[in-house]
C-alpha atoms as a PDB file:
ATOM      1  CA  MET A   1      25.770  -7.956  -2.428  1.00  0.00           C
ATOM      2  CA  GLU A   2      23.933 -10.307  -0.096  1.00  0.00           C
ATOM      3  CA  ARG A   3      20.801  -8.711   1.305  1.00  0.00           C
ATOM      4  CA  TRP A   4      19.345  -9.324   4.744  1.00  0.00           C
ATOM      5  CA  TYR A   5      15.714  -9.574   3.697  1.00  0.00           C
ATOM      6  CA  HIS A   6      13.848 -12.694   2.592  1.00  0.00           C
ATOM      7  CA  LYS A   7      14.879 -13.978  -0.810  1.00  0.00           C
ATOM      8  CA  ASN A   8      11.293 -14.920  -1.672  1.00  0.00           C
ATOM      9  CA  MET A   9      10.233 -11.278  -1.351  1.00  0.00           C
ATOM     10  CA  ASN A  10      10.090  -8.999  -4.374  1.00  0.00           C
ATOM     11  CA  PRO A  11       9.386  -5.252  -4.725  1.00  0.00           C
ATOM     12  CA  LEU A  12       5.640  -5.831  -5.147  1.00  0.00           C
ATOM     13  CA  ASN A  13       5.526  -7.795  -1.869  1.00  0.00           C
ATOM     14  CA  TYR A  14       7.139  -4.858  -0.085  1.00  0.00           C
ATOM     15  CA  LEU A  15       4.673  -2.424  -1.637  1.00  0.00           C
ATOM     16  CA  HIS A  16       1.786  -4.543  -0.322  1.00  0.00           C
ATOM     17  CA  LEU A  17       3.399  -4.610   3.134  1.00  0.00           C
ATOM     18  CA  GLN A  18       3.547  -0.821   3.185  1.00  0.00           C
ATOM     19  CA  LEU A  19      -0.065  -0.515   2.027  1.00  0.00           C
ATOM     20  CA  ARG A  20      -1.141  -2.692   4.967  1.00  0.00           C
ATOM     21  CA  LEU A  21       1.014  -0.535   7.238  1.00  0.00           C
ATOM     22  CA  GLU A  22      -1.024   2.455   6.008  1.00  0.00           C
ATOM     23  CA  GLY A  23      -4.282   0.638   6.815  1.00  0.00           C
ATOM     24  CA  LYS A  24      -5.156  -0.101   3.188  1.00  0.00           C
ATOM     25  CA  ALA A  25      -6.434  -3.381   1.740  1.00  0.00           C
ATOM     26  CA  LEU A  26      -6.485  -4.423  -1.899  1.00  0.00           C
ATOM     27  CA  VAL A  27      -9.877  -5.469  -3.255  1.00  0.00           C
ATOM     28  CA  ARG A  28     -10.964  -6.700  -6.682  1.00  0.00           C
ATOM     29  CA  GLY A  29      -7.468  -6.678  -8.095  1.00  0.00           C
ATOM     30  CA  TYR A  30      -6.288  -3.081  -8.483  1.00  0.00           C
ATOM     31  CA  PHE A  31      -8.578  -1.226  -6.084  1.00  0.00           C
ATOM     32  CA  MET A  32      -7.852  -0.003  -2.549  1.00  0.00           C
ATOM     33  CA  ARG A  33     -10.008   0.285   0.532  1.00  0.00           C
ATOM     34  CA  GLN A  34      -9.138   1.988   3.839  1.00  0.00           C
ATOM     35  CA  VAL A  35      -9.799  -0.726   6.430  1.00  0.00           C
ATOM     36  CA  LYS A  36      -7.992   0.834   9.371  1.00  0.00           C
ATOM     37  CA  ALA A  37      -7.719   4.457  10.395  1.00  0.00           C
ATOM     38  CA  VAL A  38      -4.083   5.582  10.436  1.00  0.00           C
ATOM     39  CA  PRO A  39      -3.199   9.137  11.557  1.00  0.00           C
ATOM     40  CA  GLY A  40      -1.987  11.261   8.682  1.00  0.00           C
ATOM     41  CA  GLU A  41      -3.166   8.790   6.029  1.00  0.00           C
ATOM     42  CA  GLU A  42      -5.912   9.328   3.497  1.00  0.00           C
ATOM     43  CA  MET A  43      -7.109   7.258   0.580  1.00  0.00           C
ATOM     44  CA  PRO A  44      -5.589   8.421  -2.708  1.00  0.00           C
ATOM     45  CA  LEU A  45      -7.652   8.510  -5.871  1.00  0.00           C
ATOM     46  CA  MET A  46      -4.721   6.819  -7.556  1.00  0.00           C
ATOM     47  CA  LEU A  47      -1.406   5.369  -6.460  1.00  0.00           C
ATOM     48  CA  ILE A  48       1.117   5.025  -9.278  1.00  0.00           C
ATOM     49  CA  THR A  49       4.210   3.078  -8.322  1.00  0.00           C
ATOM     50  CA  GLN A  50       7.476   2.374 -10.113  1.00  0.00           C
ATOM     51  CA  LEU A  51       8.977  -0.749  -8.546  1.00  0.00           C
ATOM     52  CA  ALA A  52      12.715  -1.317  -8.241  1.00  0.00           C
ATOM     53  CA  ASP A  53      12.488  -3.840 -11.088  1.00  0.00           C
ATOM     54  CA  LYS A  54      10.956  -1.043 -13.225  1.00  0.00           C
ATOM     55  CA  GLU A  55       7.515  -2.652 -13.261  1.00  0.00           C
ATOM     56  CA  PRO A  56       4.768   0.028 -12.975  1.00  0.00           C
ATOM     57  CA  VAL A  57       1.800  -0.752 -10.705  1.00  0.00           C
ATOM     58  CA  ILE A  58      -1.367   1.352 -10.452  1.00  0.00           C
ATOM     59  CA  TYR A  59      -4.081   1.139  -7.779  1.00  0.00           C
ATOM     60  CA  TYR A  60      -7.360   3.087  -7.553  1.00  0.00           C
ATOM     61  CA  ASP A  61      -9.686   4.065  -4.735  1.00  0.00           C
ATOM     62  CA  GLU A  62     -12.569   1.564  -4.943  1.00  0.00           C
ATOM     63  CA  ALA A  63     -15.020   4.465  -4.502  1.00  0.00           C
ATOM     64  CA  ILE A  64     -13.935   6.076  -7.766  1.00  0.00           C
ATOM     65  CA  SER A  65     -16.613   6.116 -10.474  1.00  0.00           C
ATOM     66  CA  LEU A  66     -16.343   3.529 -13.238  1.00  0.00           C
ATOM     67  CA  ASP A  67     -16.239   6.206 -15.952  1.00  0.00           C
ATOM     68  CA  LEU A  68     -13.407   8.082 -14.255  1.00  0.00           C
ATOM     69  CA  GLN A  69     -11.490   4.879 -13.559  1.00  0.00           C
ATOM     70  CA  ASN A  70     -11.761   3.772 -17.187  1.00  0.00           C
ATOM     71  CA  GLU A  71     -10.554   7.126 -18.487  1.00  0.00           C
ATOM     72  CA  LEU A  72      -7.667   7.202 -16.047  1.00  0.00           C
ATOM     73  CA  ALA A  73      -6.678   3.646 -16.945  1.00  0.00           C
ATOM     74  CA  ALA A  74      -6.711   4.553 -20.636  1.00  0.00           C
ATOM     75  CA  SER A  75      -4.586   7.656 -19.985  1.00  0.00           C
ATOM     76  CA  LEU A  76      -2.006   5.572 -18.112  1.00  0.00           C
ATOM     77  CA  ARG A  77      -1.792   2.780 -20.685  1.00  0.00           C
ATOM     78  CA  GLU A  78       1.390   4.293 -22.108  1.00  0.00           C
ATOM     79  CA  ILE A  79       2.673   5.560 -18.761  1.00  0.00           C
ATOM     80  CA  LYS A  80       6.225   6.827 -18.597  1.00  0.00           C
ATOM     81  CA  PHE A  81       6.795   7.281 -14.904  1.00  0.00           C
ATOM     82  CA  PRO A  82       6.731   9.947 -13.500  1.00  0.00           C
ATOM     83  CA  ASN A  83       5.078  11.799 -16.416  1.00  0.00           C
ATOM     84  CA  LEU A  84       1.359  11.805 -15.576  1.00  0.00           C
ATOM     85  CA  GLU A  85       0.144  14.739 -17.671  1.00  0.00           C
ATOM     86  CA  ALA A  86      -2.537  12.659 -19.436  1.00  0.00           C
ATOM     87  CA  ALA A  87      -3.986  11.346 -16.153  1.00  0.00           C
ATOM     88  CA  LEU A  88      -3.998  14.807 -14.596  1.00  0.00           C
ATOM     89  CA  GLY A  89      -5.785  16.097 -17.667  1.00  0.00           C
ATOM     90  CA  VAL A  90      -8.546  13.512 -17.107  1.00  0.00           C
ATOM     91  CA  LEU A  91      -8.989  14.708 -13.515  1.00  0.00           C
ATOM     92  CA  GLN A  92      -9.200  18.315 -14.661  1.00  0.00           C
ATOM     93  CA  LYS A  93     -11.806  17.324 -17.265  1.00  0.00           C
ATOM     94  CA  HIS A  94     -13.929  15.829 -14.441  1.00  0.00           C
ATOM     95  CA  ASN A  95     -13.404  18.961 -12.286  1.00  0.00           C
ATOM     96  CA  VAL A  96     -11.492  16.990  -9.645  1.00  0.00           C
ATOM     97  CA  ILE A  97      -9.324  19.207  -7.472  1.00  0.00           C
ATOM     98  CA  TYR A  98      -6.256  17.165  -6.567  1.00  0.00           C
ATOM     99  CA  GLU A  99      -2.880  17.190  -4.877  1.00  0.00           C
ATOM    100  CA  VAL A 100       0.153  15.202  -6.004  1.00  0.00           C
ATOM    101  CA  GLY A 101       2.750  13.702  -3.666  1.00  0.00           C
ATOM    102  CA  HIS A 102       5.916  11.984  -4.898  1.00  0.00           C
ATOM    103  CA  TYR A 103       7.723   9.611  -2.506  1.00  0.00           C
ATOM    104  CA  LYS A 104      10.644   7.193  -2.428  1.00  0.00           C
ATOM    105  CA  THR A 105      10.788   4.133  -0.151  1.00  0.00           C
ATOM    106  CA  TYR A 106      13.925   2.207   0.771  1.00  0.00           C
ATOM    107  CA  LEU A 107      15.107  -0.964   2.476  1.00  0.00           C
ATOM    108  CA  PHE A 108      18.201  -1.311   4.623  1.00  0.00           C
ATOM    109  CA  PRO A 109      20.823  -3.332   2.681  1.00  0.00           C
ATOM    110  CA  LEU A 110      22.505  -5.050   5.618  1.00  0.00           C
ATOM    111  CA  LEU A 111      21.759  -5.531   9.287  1.00  0.00           C
ATOM    112  CA  PRO A 112      22.540  -2.163  10.926  1.00  0.00           C
ATOM    113  CA  VAL A 113      24.622  -2.042  14.081  1.00  0.00           C
ATOM    114  CA  SER A 114      23.385  -0.115  17.105  1.00  0.00           C
ATOM    115  CA  ASP A 115      25.757   2.595  18.313  1.00  0.00           C
ATOM    116  CA  LYS A 116      26.674   2.892  21.982  1.00  0.00           C
ATOM    117  CA  ASP A 117      25.663   6.562  21.896  1.00  0.00           C
ATOM    118  CA  VAL A 118      22.046   5.681  21.052  1.00  0.00           C
ATOM    119  CA  LEU A 119      19.612   5.219  23.935  1.00  0.00           C
ATOM    120  CA  ARG A 120      16.512   3.045  23.694  1.00  0.00           C
ATOM    121  CA  LEU A 121      13.790   4.933  25.528  1.00  0.00           C
ATOM    122  CA  SER A 122      10.109   4.432  26.262  1.00  0.00           C
ATOM    123  CA  LYS A 123       7.589   6.821  24.740  1.00  0.00           C
ATOM    124  CA  ASP A 124       6.639   7.656  28.346  1.00  0.00           C
ATOM    125  CA  ASP A 125      10.144   8.900  29.148  1.00  0.00           C
ATOM    126  CA  PRO A 126      10.014  12.608  30.149  1.00  0.00           C
ATOM    127  CA  ASN A 127      12.747  13.485  27.645  1.00  0.00           C
ATOM    128  CA  VAL A 128      10.822  11.754  24.845  1.00  0.00           C
ATOM    129  CA  LYS A 129       7.716  13.740  25.751  1.00  0.00           C
ATOM    130  CA  ALA A 130       9.724  16.966  25.794  1.00  0.00           C
ATOM    131  CA  PHE A 131      11.074  16.096  22.332  1.00  0.00           C
ATOM    132  CA  GLY A 132       7.529  15.497  21.033  1.00  0.00           C
ATOM    133  CA  PHE A 133       7.942  11.808  20.114  1.00  0.00           C
ATOM    134  CA  GLU A 134       5.579  10.304  22.695  1.00  0.00           C
ATOM    135  CA  GLY A 135       2.708   9.950  20.224  1.00  0.00           C
ATOM    136  CA  PHE A 136       4.334   7.283  18.078  1.00  0.00           C
ATOM    137  CA  ALA A 137       5.595   3.735  18.767  1.00  0.00           C
ATOM    138  CA  GLU A 138       6.604   2.371  22.170  1.00  0.00           C
ATOM    139  CA  GLN A 139      10.367   2.419  21.561  1.00  0.00           C
ATOM    140  CA  VAL A 140      12.272   5.600  20.702  1.00  0.00           C
ATOM    141  CA  TYR A 141      15.948   5.574  19.693  1.00  0.00           C
ATOM    142  CA  ALA A 142      17.679   8.770  20.767  1.00  0.00           C
ATOM    143  CA  ILE A 143      20.930  10.615  21.354  1.00  0.00           C
ATOM    144  CA  GLU A 144      21.068  12.999  24.288  1.00  0.00           C
ATOM    145  CA  HIS A 145      23.322  15.975  25.017  1.00  0.00           C
ATOM    146  CA  ASP A 146      23.396  17.706  28.389  1.00  0.00           C
ATOM    147  CA  GLY A 147      20.412  15.613  29.496  1.00  0.00           C
ATOM    148  CA  ASN A 148      18.173  16.441  26.527  1.00  0.00           C
ATOM    149  CA  ILE A 149      17.383  14.570  23.321  1.00  0.00           C
ATOM    150  CA  VAL A 150      18.999  16.165  20.282  1.00  0.00           C
ATOM    151  CA  SER A 151      18.219  13.470  17.696  1.00  0.00           C
ATOM    152  CA  ALA A 152      15.707  10.611  17.650  1.00  0.00           C
ATOM    153  CA  CYS A 153      14.100   7.997  15.429  1.00  0.00           C
ATOM    154  CA  VAL A 154      10.796   6.200  16.001  1.00  0.00           C
ATOM    155  CA  SER A 155       8.258   4.228  13.981  1.00  0.00           C
ATOM    156  CA  THR A 156       5.718   6.711  12.684  1.00  0.00           C
ATOM    157  CA  ARG A 157       3.676   3.610  11.772  1.00  0.00           C
ATOM    158  CA  GLU A 158       4.260   0.042  12.937  1.00  0.00           C
ATOM    159  CA  ASN A 159       2.398  -3.264  12.840  1.00  0.00           C
ATOM    160  CA  GLU A 160       3.266  -6.938  13.365  1.00  0.00           C
ATOM    161  CA  GLU A 161       5.176  -7.088  10.053  1.00  0.00           C
ATOM    162  CA  CYS A 162       7.018  -3.824   9.542  1.00  0.00           C
ATOM    163  CA  GLY A 163       7.544  -0.210  10.538  1.00  0.00           C
ATOM    164  CA  GLU A 164       8.348   3.118   8.895  1.00  0.00           C
ATOM    165  CA  ALA A 165      10.895   5.570  10.277  1.00  0.00           C
ATOM    166  CA  TRP A 166      10.400   9.122  11.467  1.00  0.00           C
ATOM    167  CA  VAL A 167      13.655  10.890  12.332  1.00  0.00           C
ATOM    168  CA  TYR A 168      14.358  14.398  13.571  1.00  0.00           C
ATOM    169  CA  THR A 169      17.507  16.185  14.694  1.00  0.00           C
ATOM    170  CA  ILE A 170      17.536  19.606  16.339  1.00  0.00           C
ATOM    171  CA  PRO A 171      18.983  22.048  13.758  1.00  0.00           C
ATOM    172  CA  GLU A 172      22.064  23.045  15.757  1.00  0.00           C
ATOM    173  CA  TYR A 173      23.063  19.370  16.113  1.00  0.00           C
ATOM    174  CA  ARG A 174      22.764  18.427  12.446  1.00  0.00           C
ATOM    175  CA  HIS A 175      25.670  17.357  10.183  1.00  0.00           C
ATOM    176  CA  GLN A 176      27.273  15.381  13.027  1.00  0.00           C
ATOM    177  CA  GLY A 177      26.077  11.914  12.001  1.00  0.00           C
ATOM    178  CA  PHE A 178      23.417  11.677  14.735  1.00  0.00           C
ATOM    179  CA  ALA A 179      20.556  10.937  12.333  1.00  0.00           C
ATOM    180  CA  GLN A 180      22.502   8.050  10.797  1.00  0.00           C
ATOM    181  CA  LYS A 181      23.091   6.562  14.238  1.00  0.00           C
ATOM    182  CA  VAL A 182      19.503   6.758  15.497  1.00  0.00           C
ATOM    183  CA  VAL A 183      18.009   5.500  12.221  1.00  0.00           C
ATOM    184  CA  SER A 184      20.415   2.541  12.166  1.00  0.00           C
ATOM    185  CA  ALA A 185      19.575   1.703  15.788  1.00  0.00           C
ATOM    186  CA  TRP A 186      15.849   1.913  15.046  1.00  0.00           C
ATOM    187  CA  ALA A 187      16.201  -0.410  12.049  1.00  0.00           C
ATOM    188  CA  ALA A 188      18.270  -2.892  14.070  1.00  0.00           C
ATOM    189  CA  GLY A 189      15.609  -2.857  16.789  1.00  0.00           C
ATOM    190  CA  LEU A 190      12.873  -3.802  14.325  1.00  0.00           C
ATOM    191  CA  MET A 191      14.973  -6.489  12.678  1.00  0.00           C
ATOM    192  CA  ASP A 192      15.736  -7.997  16.079  1.00  0.00           C
ATOM    193  CA  VAL A 193      12.031  -8.819  16.463  1.00  0.00           C
ATOM    194  CA  GLY A 194      11.595  -9.991  12.870  1.00  0.00           C
ATOM    195  CA  LYS A 195      10.067  -6.838  11.412  1.00  0.00           C
ATOM    196  CA  ILE A 196      10.984  -5.040   8.190  1.00  0.00           C
ATOM    197  CA  PRO A 197      12.085  -1.398   8.535  1.00  0.00           C
ATOM    198  CA  PHE A 198      11.051   0.980   5.756  1.00  0.00           C
ATOM    199  CA  TYR A 199      12.537   4.423   5.194  1.00  0.00           C
ATOM    200  CA  SER A 200      10.505   6.841   3.050  1.00  0.00           C
ATOM    201  CA  HIS A 201      10.694  10.502   2.088  1.00  0.00           C
ATOM    202  CA  LYS A 202       9.121  13.030  -0.220  1.00  0.00           C
ATOM    203  CA  LEU A 203      11.024  13.511  -3.460  1.00  0.00           C
ATOM    204  CA  GLU A 204      11.892  17.116  -2.611  1.00  0.00           C
ATOM    205  CA  ASN A 205      13.313  16.226   0.832  1.00  0.00           C
ATOM    206  CA  THR A 206      16.991  16.283  -0.112  1.00  0.00           C
ATOM    207  CA  ALA A 207      18.178  15.867   3.500  1.00  0.00           C
ATOM    208  CA  SER A 208      16.327  12.562   3.828  1.00  0.00           C
ATOM    209  CA  ALA A 209      17.554  11.463   0.392  1.00  0.00           C
ATOM    210  CA  ASN A 210      21.139  12.208   1.455  1.00  0.00           C
ATOM    211  CA  LEU A 211      20.641  10.207   4.652  1.00  0.00           C
ATOM    212  CA  ALA A 212      19.377   7.231   2.647  1.00  0.00           C
ATOM    213  CA  GLY A 213      22.492   7.444   0.494  1.00  0.00           C
ATOM    214  CA  LYS A 214      24.851   7.634   3.465  1.00  0.00           C
ATOM    215  CA  LEU A 215      23.285   4.517   4.972  1.00  0.00           C
ATOM    216  CA  GLY A 216      23.488   2.625   1.685  1.00  0.00           C
ATOM    217  CA  MET A 217      19.746   2.035   1.500  1.00  0.00           C
ATOM    218  CA  GLN A 218      18.218   0.289  -1.494  1.00  0.00           C
ATOM    219  CA  LEU A 219      15.373   2.029  -3.331  1.00  0.00           C
ATOM    220  CA  ILE A 220      12.558  -0.524  -3.460  1.00  0.00           C
ATOM    221  CA  PHE A 221       9.792   1.582  -5.017  1.00  0.00           C
ATOM    222  CA  GLU A 222       8.840   5.132  -5.947  1.00  0.00           C
ATOM    223  CA  GLU A 223       5.248   6.344  -5.606  1.00  0.00           C
ATOM    224  CA  ILE A 224       3.104   9.149  -6.903  1.00  0.00           C
ATOM    225  CA  SER A 225      -0.024   9.577  -4.801  1.00  0.00           C
ATOM    226  CA  ILE A 226      -2.887  11.649  -6.206  1.00  0.00           C
ATOM    227  CA  THR A 227      -5.423  12.668  -3.556  1.00  0.00           C
ATOM    228  CA  ARG A 228      -8.477  14.903  -3.569  1.00  0.00           C
ATOM    229  CA  SER A 229      -7.596  18.386  -2.375  1.00  0.00           C
END
């Protein structure tokens, strides 16, 4: 199937785009540095990624000690994603208290079409504020019922290259296709200005996984983020 995105891009390029979106820069090869504060983001000790082409990529916090980094690298030499028991054992040996997050990130396969039911609102709109979406990007894509927003999508993070979706539907209005409509409109809005829309979710978020499937999204990479607790 013909894809909308640039043919000279590969999964690793998209991973680097998302890292920049999170305010992270790569230094000295496979180390990360937080260069921009991004709400809700923290620097992981390790980021283990399985790209769509099955190539594993591992990045480390540049502040990690050399001894710990070497032991972790050795433990991951025979990595079988997502089995990280050896690496977690190294952290336990060094008395590191950690948390593990597992995420999937997708691209939109074709140019989405905006639905006539979806409104494009400013974050300063009173209904957007009442819905709690005023703290994100400038444009909010929403469906209203009886004068109130019941479903909306906005960029939880956005820069000059790309954005990442945050979608919410009021429980009593779910299973009516509203989330599909607002997410598609959001993605179309970003593409219209030459930006790449990313859709991500935690592995255990089955509702978001189902939405990705309904919209025919393409899994571009899967990440395991290990952060200090």
